[in-house]
Amino acid sequence: MEKPAVEIPVAKQEVGGRPLADDHPARDESSFVETARGLWQDERVEIVAAVLLALATVLSAWGAYQATRWSGQQADAYAESAALRASASRQGTVASRNIQVDVSTFLAWAAAKSDGDDRLAAFLESRFRTEFKAPFAAWLKNATPDDQGIPAGTPFDRPEYVLTAQNAADDLNAKADAALAEARSDNQISDNFVLTAVLFASVLFFAGTAAKVRPQWIRWTMIGVAVVVFALGIVIEFTLPQSIGF
């Protein structure tokens, strides 16, 4: 009867004190760690890029909205300035007409007074405009009369001579200047919001490109540029006055 063969175990060959096996578990584990590390680096870039893309999209839309709002306010301010200029022009025309009336009646009164025609002078005096009567009375009372009994100078030099229409025209012109300055300021604010939209569009470009390129140093360089531009856009956008449409 034959005895069963006995297998003699063969010691695995060692290199550098470590046995070599067909599966090489240590080498596979190291490869797995490196692969996982590479995947995590890629995921970090993509996560940061996704966050930047989302925020830049929202903030770019907000900047465009604000630019539109301030453009509308600029147009309103320009329209208001034009309307105020027109009103000031009308008041200036009234003031000019009133001055002509005052000058004409005063010259006629002076001529009548020089001729000794007191009746005509009294008639003309009764026809003076209300605004002209107070400076005329102050002029007669305080000015030194000449040889013909007419005071020196004219009532138009008196501080009491004030034209309501001229004051209204001056006030309207000042308001028109203020509205024009406001329109220019609104226009600058609108331009600044357009700049923020351009900056956030640049963030979209750099962040979107960083998520697609392979070399890690290029990816992180683009992410860094995107972050810097994003921070600049944030600072500009939220230091500007905000206009809400409701």
Protein backbone atom coordinates (compact mmCIF):
# COMPACT_ATOMS: atom_id res chain seq x y z
CA MET A 1 0.00 0.00 0.00
CA GLU A 2 1.41 3.34 -1.06
CA LYS A 3 1.78 6.18 1.42
CA PRO A 4 0.24 9.54 0.47
CA ALA A 5 2.67 12.13 -0.77
CA VAL A 6 3.53 14.82 1.73
CA GLU A 7 3.82 18.37 0.41
CA ILE A 8 6.75 20.21 1.84
CA PRO A 9 6.03 23.95 2.21
CA VAL A 10 8.40 26.11 0.29
CA ALA A 11 9.46 29.33 1.99
CA LYS A 12 8.61 32.40 -0.01
CA GLN A 13 11.55 34.24 -1.33
CA GLU A 14 12.36 37.39 0.57
CA VAL A 15 13.83 40.59 -0.75
CA GLY A 16 14.95 43.22 1.68
CA GLY A 17 13.53 41.25 4.60
CA ARG A 18 9.97 41.27 3.16
CA PRO A 19 8.36 38.26 1.50
CA LEU A 20 7.23 38.70 -2.03
CA ALA A 21 3.73 37.56 -2.81
CA ASP A 22 1.74 37.68 -5.94
CA ASP A 23 -0.82 40.21 -4.61
CA HIS A 24 1.72 42.65 -3.04
CA PRO A 25 -0.73 44.02 -0.40
CA ALA A 26 1.60 46.79 0.85
CA ARG A 27 2.11 48.10 -2.65
CA ASP A 28 -1.60 48.01 -3.41
CA GLU A 29 -2.41 49.89 -0.19
CA SER A 30 0.10 52.62 -1.04
CA SER A 31 -1.34 52.93 -4.54
CA PHE A 32 -4.84 53.19 -3.10
CA VAL A 33 -3.81 55.99 -0.73
CA GLU A 34 -2.17 57.94 -3.54
CA THR A 35 -5.23 57.51 -5.73
CA ALA A 36 -7.54 58.60 -2.92
CA ARG A 37 -5.34 61.62 -2.23
CA GLY A 38 -5.43 62.61 -5.89
CA LEU A 39 -9.18 62.22 -6.05
CA TRP A 40 -9.61 64.34 -2.93
CA GLN A 41 -7.41 67.08 -4.41
CA ASP A 42 -9.57 67.05 -7.53
CA GLU A 43 -12.72 67.14 -5.45
CA ARG A 44 -11.44 70.10 -3.41
CA VAL A 45 -10.84 72.09 -6.56
CA GLU A 46 -14.26 71.18 -7.90
CA ILE A 47 -15.99 72.00 -4.60
CA VAL A 48 -14.31 75.41 -4.37
CA ALA A 49 -15.02 76.05 -8.05
CA ALA A 50 -18.69 75.07 -7.61
CA VAL A 51 -19.09 77.41 -4.64
CA LEU A 52 -17.45 80.28 -6.53
CA LEU A 53 -19.60 79.60 -9.60
CA ALA A 54 -22.81 79.63 -7.56
CA LEU A 55 -21.98 82.79 -5.60
CA ALA A 56 -20.58 84.63 -8.62
CA THR A 57 -23.71 83.85 -10.64
CA VAL A 58 -26.02 85.22 -7.95
CA LEU A 59 -23.90 88.31 -7.26
CA SER A 60 -23.44 89.02 -10.95
CA ALA A 61 -27.22 88.97 -11.39
CA TRP A 62 -27.60 91.27 -8.39
CA GLY A 63 -25.06 93.70 -9.82
CA ALA A 64 -26.90 93.76 -13.15
CA TYR A 65 -30.18 94.38 -11.31
CA GLN A 66 -28.67 97.25 -9.32
CA ALA A 67 -27.16 98.77 -12.47
CA THR A 68 -30.61 98.75 -14.08
CA ARG A 69 -32.21 100.29 -10.99
CA TRP A 70 -29.67 103.11 -10.79
CA SER A 71 -29.95 103.75 -14.52
CA GLY A 72 -33.67 104.26 -14.03
CA GLN A 73 -33.06 106.67 -11.16
CA GLN A 74 -30.53 108.51 -13.31
CA ALA A 75 -33.13 108.93 -16.07
CA ASP A 76 -35.69 110.20 -13.54
CA ALA A 77 -33.21 112.72 -12.15
CA TYR A 78 -32.34 114.00 -15.65
CA ALA A 79 -36.05 114.36 -16.44
CA GLU A 80 -36.63 116.20 -13.15
CA SER A 81 -33.73 118.54 -13.87
CA ALA A 82 -35.10 119.33 -17.33
CA ALA A 83 -38.57 120.02 -15.93
CA LEU A 84 -37.15 122.31 -13.26
CA ARG A 85 -35.13 124.20 -15.88
CA ALA A 86 -38.29 124.76 -17.91
CA SER A 87 -40.15 126.06 -14.86
CA ALA A 88 -37.22 128.31 -13.97
CA SER A 89 -37.23 129.69 -17.50
CA ARG A 90 -40.92 130.53 -17.24
CA GLN A 91 -40.41 132.27 -13.90
CA GLY A 92 -37.45 134.13 -15.34
CA THR A 93 -39.63 135.35 -18.20
CA VAL A 94 -42.21 136.63 -15.70
CA ALA A 95 -39.49 138.36 -13.69
CA SER A 96 -38.09 140.00 -16.80
CA ARG A 97 -41.54 141.24 -17.80
CA ASN A 98 -42.18 142.66 -14.32
CA ILE A 99 -38.87 144.51 -14.37
CA GLN A 100 -39.76 146.07 -17.71
CA VAL A 101 -43.14 147.19 -16.32
CA ASP A 102 -41.51 148.68 -13.22
CA VAL A 103 -38.85 150.50 -15.22
CA SER A 104 -41.36 151.87 -17.75
CA THR A 105 -43.79 153.18 -15.12
CA PHE A 106 -40.96 154.64 -13.05
CA LEU A 107 -39.47 156.48 -16.04
CA ALA A 108 -42.90 157.84 -16.91
CA TRP A 109 -43.38 158.96 -13.29
CA ALA A 110 -39.95 160.62 -13.26
CA ALA A 111 -40.73 162.45 -16.52
CA ALA A 112 -44.09 163.64 -15.16
CA LYS A 113 -42.46 164.76 -11.91
CA SER A 114 -39.76 166.65 -13.82
CA ASP A 115 -42.45 168.41 -15.85
CA GLY A 116 -44.33 169.35 -12.70
CA ASP A 117 -47.33 167.27 -13.67
CA ASP A 118 -48.22 166.03 -10.21
CA ARG A 119 -51.58 164.70 -11.35
CA LEU A 120 -49.97 162.39 -13.92
CA ALA A 121 -47.27 161.45 -11.44
CA ALA A 122 -49.90 160.52 -8.86
CA PHE A 123 -51.80 158.54 -11.48
CA LEU A 124 -48.69 156.62 -12.47
CA GLU A 125 -47.77 156.03 -8.86
CA SER A 126 -51.13 154.46 -8.23
CA ARG A 127 -50.45 152.08 -11.11
CA PHE A 128 -47.18 150.77 -9.69
CA ARG A 129 -47.02 147.04 -9.13
CA THR A 130 -47.39 145.90 -5.54
CA GLU A 131 -43.80 144.63 -5.36
CA PHE A 132 -42.54 148.01 -6.59
CA LYS A 133 -44.48 150.21 -4.16
CA ALA A 134 -42.45 149.31 -1.04
CA PRO A 135 -38.98 150.05 -2.54
CA PHE A 136 -40.38 153.17 -4.22
CA ALA A 137 -41.67 154.51 -0.88
CA ALA A 138 -38.34 153.71 0.81
CA TRP A 139 -36.48 155.47 -1.99
CA LEU A 140 -38.60 158.62 -1.66
CA LYS A 141 -38.13 158.64 2.09
CA ASN A 142 -34.42 157.99 2.38
CA ALA A 143 -32.82 159.37 -0.81
CA THR A 144 -31.62 162.96 -1.12
CA PRO A 145 -33.72 164.92 -3.67
CA ASP A 146 -32.08 166.82 -6.52
CA ASP A 147 -32.92 170.30 -7.81
CA GLN A 148 -36.17 169.04 -9.35
CA GLY A 149 -37.24 167.35 -6.14
CA ILE A 150 -36.53 163.87 -7.40
CA PRO A 151 -34.39 161.70 -5.11
CA ALA A 152 -31.03 160.55 -6.41
CA GLY A 153 -30.67 157.05 -7.73
CA THR A 154 -33.56 154.71 -8.40
CA PRO A 155 -35.81 152.42 -6.34
CA PHE A 156 -34.21 149.49 -8.10
CA ASP A 157 -31.07 149.95 -6.01
CA ARG A 158 -33.00 149.51 -2.77
CA PRO A 159 -32.76 146.19 -0.87
CA GLU A 160 -36.55 146.25 -0.62
CA TYR A 161 -36.84 145.72 -4.36
CA VAL A 162 -37.40 141.97 -4.57
CA LEU A 163 -39.00 140.09 -7.45
CA THR A 164 -40.89 137.00 -6.32
CA ALA A 165 -40.70 135.49 -9.80
CA GLN A 166 -36.92 135.97 -9.93
CA ASN A 167 -36.49 134.34 -6.52
CA ALA A 168 -38.63 131.43 -7.69
CA ALA A 169 -36.52 131.13 -10.84
CA ASP A 170 -33.30 131.11 -8.79
CA ASP A 171 -34.70 128.47 -6.46
CA LEU A 172 -35.82 126.28 -9.38
CA ASN A 173 -32.43 126.62 -11.03
CA ALA A 174 -30.73 125.52 -7.80
CA LYS A 175 -33.02 122.48 -7.59
CA ALA A 176 -32.31 121.70 -11.24
CA ASP A 177 -28.57 121.81 -10.54
CA ALA A 178 -29.06 119.46 -7.58
CA ALA A 179 -31.11 117.05 -9.71
CA LEU A 180 -28.44 117.12 -12.41
CA ALA A 181 -25.73 116.35 -9.86
CA GLU A 182 -27.86 113.49 -8.54
CA ALA A 183 -28.30 112.12 -12.06
CA ARG A 184 -24.54 112.13 -12.60
CA SER A 185 -24.00 110.40 -9.27
CA ASP A 186 -26.61 107.75 -10.15
CA ASN A 187 -24.92 107.22 -13.49
CA GLN A 188 -21.57 106.61 -11.78
CA ILE A 189 -23.15 104.16 -9.33
CA SER A 190 -24.75 102.30 -12.24
CA ASP A 191 -21.37 102.10 -14.00
CA ASN A 192 -19.77 100.74 -10.82
CA PHE A 193 -22.38 97.99 -10.59
CA VAL A 194 -21.70 97.10 -14.22
CA LEU A 195 -18.04 96.76 -13.19
CA THR A 196 -19.00 94.27 -10.46
CA ALA A 197 -20.96 92.24 -13.02
CA VAL A 198 -17.83 92.13 -15.19
CA LEU A 199 -15.71 91.03 -12.22
CA PHE A 200 -18.08 88.22 -11.31
CA ALA A 201 -18.22 87.13 -14.94
CA SER A 202 -14.42 86.84 -14.75
CA VAL A 203 -14.83 84.68 -11.63
CA LEU A 204 -17.15 82.41 -13.60
CA PHE A 205 -14.51 82.05 -16.31
CA PHE A 206 -11.58 81.26 -13.99
CA ALA A 207 -13.55 78.95 -11.68
CA GLY A 208 -15.17 77.13 -14.58
CA THR A 209 -11.83 76.63 -16.33
CA ALA A 210 -10.13 75.47 -13.12
CA ALA A 211 -12.62 72.61 -12.81
CA LYS A 212 -11.68 71.29 -16.27
CA VAL A 213 -7.90 71.52 -16.54
CA ARG A 214 -5.74 68.66 -15.19
CA PRO A 215 -2.43 70.03 -13.81
CA GLN A 216 -2.96 70.79 -10.15
CA TRP A 217 -0.82 73.93 -10.09
CA ILE A 218 -2.80 75.45 -12.95
CA ARG A 219 -6.08 74.56 -11.26
CA TRP A 220 -5.12 76.14 -7.97
CA THR A 221 -3.65 79.18 -9.71
CA MET A 222 -6.94 79.79 -11.48
CA ILE A 223 -8.87 79.20 -8.27
CA GLY A 224 -6.61 81.72 -6.53
CA VAL A 225 -7.22 84.33 -9.23
CA ALA A 226 -10.96 83.64 -9.04
CA VAL A 227 -10.96 84.10 -5.26
CA VAL A 228 -9.06 87.41 -5.48
CA VAL A 229 -11.38 88.79 -8.18
CA PHE A 230 -14.41 87.52 -6.24
CA ALA A 231 -13.26 89.31 -3.07
CA LEU A 232 -12.70 92.53 -5.04
CA GLY A 233 -16.18 92.27 -6.53
CA ILE A 234 -17.72 91.67 -3.09
CA VAL A 235 -16.00 94.75 -1.65
CA ILE A 236 -17.09 97.00 -4.51
CA GLU A 237 -20.65 95.69 -4.74
CA PHE A 238 -21.52 95.97 -1.07
CA THR A 239 -19.85 99.33 -0.47
CA LEU A 240 -22.11 100.85 -3.13
CA PRO A 241 -25.59 102.13 -2.18
CA GLN A 242 -28.28 99.55 -2.80
CA SER A 243 -31.60 100.32 -4.48
CA ILE A 244 -34.51 98.01 -3.70
CA GLY A 245 -37.47 98.01 -6.06
CA PHE A 246 -40.17 97.59 -3.42
